[in-house]
Amino acid sequence: LRYLAALEAAYKAKLRGDVGFVSLITKNPEHPHWLTLRGVPDAIRGYDLEYLADFVDLDKFKPYIGRSNVEAVGLSRNCTVFNLVSRWAHKNVLAFKQQGYTVQGWLKEVHYQCMRVNGDFPVPMWEKEVKCISKSIANWVWYKFDIAASNRRFSELQAHRNSLRKTTINAGRTKIITEL
């Protein structure tokens, strides 16, 4: 999905597509300005992503965690706002609860974060759209995110990784000792 998002962003930039468009297509094929090819064998069969990647420079559109270039992160502005702010919300909800925030205060803070991310777009979404996203994130994280379970899963994962590391190290030591 990230590869597709990077490819889409690269083509949108190359074709000077509308950055505010929902990104289901880059340009409107029905507009009289564009020559739409119908019945071309390759267009009917479709193209694979690797083939399409040959014609654009993907390096500046490769997504990575914490990327500041929000235009190149998701398949739409909605997804980008949701992904960035929900990651922030999961990290910060415990601190807000410990500080005595109510769900209404939390909702306002999540909405502020969504508006901040939305403000980075060249063509921001309407506030009503952002409000729906922020309400969804705020309510789910506040009511359904189980911090204790998340911490427990993280600790179990770290313990498992540590046991794998120790097994690998001990296997190497055993091999060295038997060779001596």
Protein backbone atom coordinates (compact mmCIF):
# COMPACT_ATOMS: atom_id res chain seq x y z
CA LEU A 1 0.00 0.00 0.00
CA ARG A 2 2.88 2.38 0.77
CA TYR A 3 4.45 1.57 -2.58
CA LEU A 4 1.15 2.37 -4.31
CA ALA A 5 0.86 5.63 -2.35
CA ALA A 6 4.39 6.67 -3.37
CA LEU A 7 3.68 5.78 -6.98
CA GLU A 8 0.44 7.73 -6.95
CA ALA A 9 2.14 10.80 -5.46
CA ALA A 10 4.95 10.61 -8.03
CA TYR A 11 2.51 10.47 -10.95
CA LYS A 12 0.39 13.24 -9.47
CA ALA A 13 3.49 15.46 -9.30
CA LYS A 14 4.71 14.47 -12.78
CA LEU A 15 1.31 15.14 -14.37
CA ARG A 16 0.73 18.24 -12.24
CA GLY A 17 -2.49 16.73 -10.91
CA ASP A 18 -4.83 18.44 -8.50
CA VAL A 19 -3.37 17.80 -5.03
CA GLY A 20 -6.77 18.45 -3.49
CA PHE A 21 -8.48 15.77 -5.55
CA VAL A 22 -9.55 12.61 -3.71
CA SER A 23 -6.93 10.71 -5.74
CA LEU A 24 -9.10 8.04 -7.24
CA ILE A 25 -7.73 9.28 -10.56
CA THR A 26 -5.19 12.00 -11.26
CA LYS A 27 -7.00 13.86 -14.04
CA ASN A 28 -10.60 13.69 -15.24
CA PRO A 29 -10.59 11.49 -18.37
CA GLU A 30 -13.93 12.97 -19.49
CA HIS A 31 -12.58 16.52 -19.71
CA PRO A 32 -12.27 17.61 -23.37
CA HIS A 33 -8.70 18.80 -22.75
CA TRP A 34 -7.45 15.20 -22.40
CA LEU A 35 -7.16 12.54 -25.06
CA THR A 36 -8.52 9.37 -23.50
CA LEU A 37 -7.31 6.16 -25.13
CA ARG A 38 -9.97 3.48 -25.25
CA GLY A 39 -9.36 0.01 -26.59
CA VAL A 40 -5.56 0.24 -26.44
CA PRO A 41 -4.45 -3.34 -25.60
CA ASP A 42 -2.03 -2.35 -22.81
CA ALA A 43 -4.58 -0.02 -21.22
CA ILE A 44 -7.21 -2.77 -21.23
CA ARG A 45 -4.86 -5.35 -19.67
CA GLY A 46 -3.56 -2.84 -17.16
CA TYR A 47 -0.06 -2.19 -15.92
CA ASP A 48 1.75 -3.59 -12.91
CA LEU A 49 3.24 -1.22 -10.33
CA GLU A 50 6.85 -2.07 -11.19
CA TYR A 51 6.26 -1.09 -14.83
CA LEU A 52 4.63 2.19 -13.81
CA ALA A 53 7.50 2.93 -11.41
CA ASP A 54 9.97 2.87 -14.32
CA PHE A 55 8.66 6.22 -15.57
CA VAL A 56 8.82 8.31 -12.39
CA ASP A 57 11.37 9.19 -9.71
CA LEU A 58 10.09 7.45 -6.57
CA ASP A 59 12.96 8.48 -4.29
CA LYS A 60 11.36 11.69 -3.06
CA PHE A 61 7.96 10.02 -2.62
CA LYS A 62 8.95 6.97 -0.59
CA PRO A 63 6.95 7.06 2.63
CA TYR A 64 8.59 6.48 5.98
CA ILE A 65 7.50 6.82 9.58
CA GLY A 66 7.58 10.40 10.80
CA ARG A 67 7.74 11.86 7.29
CA SER A 68 7.14 15.58 7.27
CA ASN A 69 6.05 15.66 3.62
CA VAL A 70 2.42 14.75 4.23
CA GLU A 71 1.59 14.94 0.52
CA ALA A 72 3.51 11.74 -0.13
CA VAL A 73 2.26 9.63 2.74
CA GLY A 74 -1.21 8.34 2.04
CA LEU A 75 -3.71 7.64 -0.65
CA SER A 76 -5.79 10.63 0.45
CA ARG A 77 -5.79 13.55 2.82
CA ASN A 78 -8.30 11.75 5.04
CA CYS A 79 -6.02 8.72 5.39
CA THR A 80 -3.00 10.90 6.05
CA VAL A 81 -4.73 12.89 8.80
CA PHE A 82 -6.14 9.72 10.34
CA ASN A 83 -2.80 7.86 10.29
CA LEU A 84 -0.69 10.69 11.70
CA VAL A 85 -3.13 11.83 14.39
CA SER A 86 -4.19 8.35 15.52
CA ARG A 87 -0.51 7.48 16.03
CA TRP A 88 -0.18 10.66 18.12
CA ALA A 89 -3.39 9.87 20.06
CA HIS A 90 -2.31 6.36 21.02
CA LYS A 91 0.97 7.73 22.39
CA ASN A 92 -0.65 10.57 24.36
CA VAL A 93 -4.01 9.37 25.70
CA LEU A 94 -2.60 8.03 28.96
CA ALA A 95 -0.93 11.36 29.81
CA PHE A 96 -4.19 13.22 29.14
CA LYS A 97 -6.17 10.83 31.35
CA GLN A 98 -3.57 11.16 34.13
CA GLN A 99 -3.81 14.97 33.90
CA GLY A 100 -7.54 14.75 34.56
CA TYR A 101 -8.81 15.61 31.08
CA THR A 102 -12.42 14.75 30.29
CA VAL A 103 -13.43 13.14 27.03
CA GLN A 104 -14.55 16.60 25.82
CA GLY A 105 -11.13 18.09 26.51
CA TRP A 106 -9.49 15.14 24.78
CA LEU A 107 -11.80 15.58 21.78
CA LYS A 108 -10.78 19.24 21.48
CA GLU A 109 -7.09 18.35 21.62
CA VAL A 110 -7.43 15.60 18.99
CA HIS A 111 -9.41 18.01 16.79
CA TYR A 112 -6.63 20.58 17.17
CA GLN A 113 -4.05 17.97 16.09
CA CYS A 114 -6.17 17.01 13.07
CA MET A 115 -6.55 20.66 12.05
CA ARG A 116 -2.79 21.16 12.42
CA VAL A 117 -2.04 18.24 10.08
CA ASN A 118 -4.79 19.32 7.69
CA GLY A 119 -3.28 22.82 7.58
CA ASP A 120 -0.10 21.37 6.06
CA PHE A 121 -1.91 20.34 2.87
CA PRO A 122 -1.76 22.68 -0.12
CA VAL A 123 -5.55 22.34 -0.32
CA PRO A 124 -6.90 21.56 3.16
CA MET A 125 -10.13 19.63 3.75
CA TRP A 126 -13.25 21.36 5.04
CA GLU A 127 -13.43 21.60 8.83
CA LYS A 128 -16.53 19.38 8.86
CA GLU A 129 -14.50 16.53 7.29
CA VAL A 130 -11.70 17.03 9.80
CA LYS A 131 -14.20 17.07 12.67
CA CYS A 132 -15.52 13.63 11.64
CA ILE A 133 -11.98 12.23 11.57
CA SER A 134 -11.04 13.78 14.92
CA LYS A 135 -14.24 12.55 16.59
CA SER A 136 -13.61 9.02 15.33
CA ILE A 137 -10.02 8.98 16.58
CA ALA A 138 -10.78 10.64 19.92
CA ASN A 139 -13.69 8.40 20.85
CA TRP A 140 -12.05 5.14 19.81
CA VAL A 141 -8.74 5.85 21.54
CA TRP A 142 -10.40 7.22 24.69
CA TYR A 143 -12.93 4.41 25.13
CA LYS A 144 -11.45 1.35 23.43
CA PHE A 145 -7.67 1.62 23.46
CA ASP A 146 -6.44 -0.62 26.29
CA ILE A 147 -3.12 0.84 27.40
CA ALA A 148 -2.34 -2.00 29.82
CA ALA A 149 -2.93 -4.63 27.12
CA SER A 150 -0.82 -2.66 24.67
CA ASN A 151 2.03 -2.38 27.17
CA ARG A 152 1.73 -6.10 27.97
CA ARG A 153 1.90 -7.05 24.26
CA PHE A 154 4.90 -4.76 23.81
CA SER A 155 6.68 -6.32 26.81
CA GLU A 156 5.96 -9.82 25.52
CA LEU A 157 7.31 -8.88 22.09
CA GLN A 158 10.48 -7.41 23.61
CA ALA A 159 10.98 -10.51 25.79
CA HIS A 160 10.57 -12.73 22.73
CA ARG A 161 13.09 -10.66 20.76
CA ASN A 162 15.51 -10.82 23.69
CA SER A 163 15.18 -14.62 23.91
CA LEU A 164 15.87 -14.88 20.17
CA ARG A 165 18.93 -12.67 20.58
CA LYS A 166 20.22 -14.75 23.50
CA THR A 167 19.62 -17.99 21.59
CA THR A 168 21.58 -16.66 18.63
CA ILE A 169 24.44 -15.43 20.82
CA ASN A 170 24.59 -18.69 22.80
CA ALA A 171 24.52 -20.73 19.59
CA GLY A 172 27.52 -18.77 18.37
CA ARG A 173 29.38 -19.29 21.65
CA THR A 174 28.67 -23.02 21.63
CA LYS A 175 30.03 -23.26 18.10
CA ILE A 176 33.22 -21.41 19.08
CA ILE A 177 33.74 -23.57 22.20
CA THR A 178 33.27 -26.83 20.28
CA GLU A 179 35.72 -25.66 17.62
CA LEU A 180 38.40 -24.95 20.25
